[in-house]
Amino acid sequence: MRYFKVLLPVLAGAALLAACADEGYGVAYVGGPVAVGYDGYYDDYYGPFYDGYWAGDGYFYYADRGGHYHRDRERHFRRDTAQGFHPVHGQGHAPPQGRPRRDHP
């Protein structure tokens, strides 16, 4: 019984510390969208966009009027300037967990 009294707090502490494990840098979902401000350049190819974010795959995902995210496969959003592009800035959000992104491989 004494062994159990010593072992129980050790196991509980290990379980609590395991909950703090991290996979490294990336997008985190905590019950909703995560603000990921963006700066970039856009050529207006898709018309107006309503939100967006730079993803870990290097692509910009933009939201249409209905809140659906699309991957900018043709690179109409850029991180560097180019002729025909204008600056865009925002406080974008990744889609909430469970909400599908369209056009995602």
Protein backbone atom coordinates (compact mmCIF):
# COMPACT_ATOMS: atom_id res chain seq x y z
CA MET A 1 0.00 0.00 0.00
CA ARG A 2 2.84 2.37 0.81
CA TYR A 3 4.33 1.76 -2.64
CA PHE A 4 0.98 2.73 -4.21
CA LYS A 5 0.86 6.01 -2.20
CA VAL A 6 4.26 6.99 -3.58
CA LEU A 7 3.63 5.78 -7.12
CA LEU A 8 0.22 7.45 -7.58
CA PRO A 9 1.48 11.08 -7.36
CA VAL A 10 4.41 10.26 -9.63
CA LEU A 11 2.12 8.78 -12.28
CA ALA A 12 -0.33 11.69 -11.97
CA GLY A 13 2.52 14.18 -12.41
CA ALA A 14 3.79 12.32 -15.46
CA ALA A 15 0.31 12.35 -16.98
CA LEU A 16 -0.02 16.09 -16.41
CA LEU A 17 3.38 16.78 -17.96
CA ALA A 18 2.51 14.63 -20.98
CA ALA A 19 -0.42 16.95 -21.64
CA CYS A 20 2.11 19.75 -22.17
CA ALA A 21 3.90 17.90 -24.97
CA ASP A 22 4.31 19.97 -28.11
CA GLU A 23 4.77 19.07 -31.76
CA GLY A 24 6.81 22.21 -32.43
CA TYR A 25 5.85 25.27 -34.42
CA GLY A 26 2.68 25.29 -36.47
CA VAL A 27 -0.95 26.27 -36.44
CA ALA A 28 -2.79 25.59 -33.21
CA TYR A 29 -6.53 25.24 -32.86
CA VAL A 30 -7.99 26.26 -29.54
CA GLY A 31 -11.74 26.08 -29.96
CA GLY A 32 -11.86 28.46 -32.89
CA PRO A 33 -9.86 30.35 -35.45
CA VAL A 34 -6.38 31.46 -34.57
CA ALA A 35 -5.32 34.97 -35.53
CA VAL A 36 -2.41 34.85 -37.94
CA GLY A 37 -1.80 38.33 -39.27
CA TYR A 38 -0.52 38.53 -42.80
CA ASP A 39 1.32 40.94 -45.05
CA GLY A 40 1.63 40.28 -48.72
CA TYR A 41 0.80 41.40 -52.23
CA TYR A 42 -2.24 40.57 -54.34
CA ASP A 43 -3.11 41.10 -58.01
CA ASP A 44 -6.94 41.09 -57.60
CA TYR A 45 -7.28 37.96 -59.78
CA TYR A 46 -10.00 36.41 -57.58
CA GLY A 47 -11.78 39.68 -56.92
CA PRO A 48 -12.47 40.68 -53.33
CA PHE A 49 -11.44 38.27 -50.60
CA TYR A 50 -12.69 38.38 -47.05
CA ASP A 51 -10.02 36.71 -44.96
CA GLY A 52 -6.91 34.63 -45.37
CA TYR A 53 -3.77 33.19 -43.92
CA TRP A 54 -0.34 31.91 -44.93
CA ALA A 55 -0.23 28.18 -44.24
CA GLY A 56 2.74 26.03 -43.34
CA ASP A 57 2.81 24.66 -46.90
CA GLY A 58 3.81 28.12 -48.22
CA TYR A 59 0.47 28.82 -49.90
CA PHE A 60 -1.98 31.58 -49.08
CA TYR A 61 -5.52 30.41 -48.30
CA TYR A 62 -8.16 33.05 -48.94
CA ALA A 63 -11.79 33.09 -47.84
CA ASP A 64 -14.67 33.80 -50.17
CA ARG A 65 -17.84 35.63 -49.14
CA GLY A 66 -19.29 32.41 -47.69
CA GLY A 67 -16.28 31.88 -45.44
CA HIS A 68 -14.88 28.95 -47.44
CA TYR A 69 -11.11 28.88 -47.75
CA HIS A 70 -9.40 28.24 -51.08
CA ARG A 71 -5.75 27.50 -51.74
CA ASP A 72 -4.11 30.06 -54.03
CA ARG A 73 -2.58 27.47 -56.37
CA GLU A 74 -1.74 30.04 -59.06
CA ARG A 75 0.17 32.31 -56.66
CA HIS A 76 -1.93 35.46 -57.02
CA PHE A 77 -0.94 36.23 -53.42
CA ARG A 78 2.76 36.80 -52.86
CA ARG A 79 5.09 37.66 -50.02
CA ASP A 80 7.22 39.86 -52.29
CA THR A 81 6.23 42.71 -54.58
CA ALA A 82 5.85 42.37 -58.34
CA GLN A 83 4.39 44.43 -61.16
CA GLY A 84 0.58 44.46 -61.01
CA PHE A 85 0.44 43.50 -57.31
CA HIS A 86 -0.62 45.79 -54.46
CA PRO A 87 0.04 45.41 -50.73
CA VAL A 88 -2.51 43.62 -48.54
CA HIS A 89 -2.42 43.44 -44.76
CA GLY A 90 -4.77 41.78 -42.39
CA GLN A 91 -5.48 39.94 -39.22
CA GLY A 92 -6.46 36.71 -40.90
CA HIS A 93 -7.76 33.56 -39.30
CA ALA A 94 -7.20 29.91 -40.02
CA PRO A 95 -10.50 28.09 -40.48
CA PRO A 96 -11.99 26.59 -37.32
CA GLN A 97 -11.12 22.96 -36.76
CA GLY A 98 -13.57 20.77 -38.60
CA ARG A 99 -14.42 23.36 -41.24
CA PRO A 100 -13.06 22.07 -44.53
CA ARG A 101 -10.80 24.09 -46.75
CA ARG A 102 -11.73 23.80 -50.39
CA ASP A 103 -9.17 23.11 -53.10
CA HIS A 104 -6.81 21.55 -50.57
CA PRO A 105 -4.83 18.53 -51.74
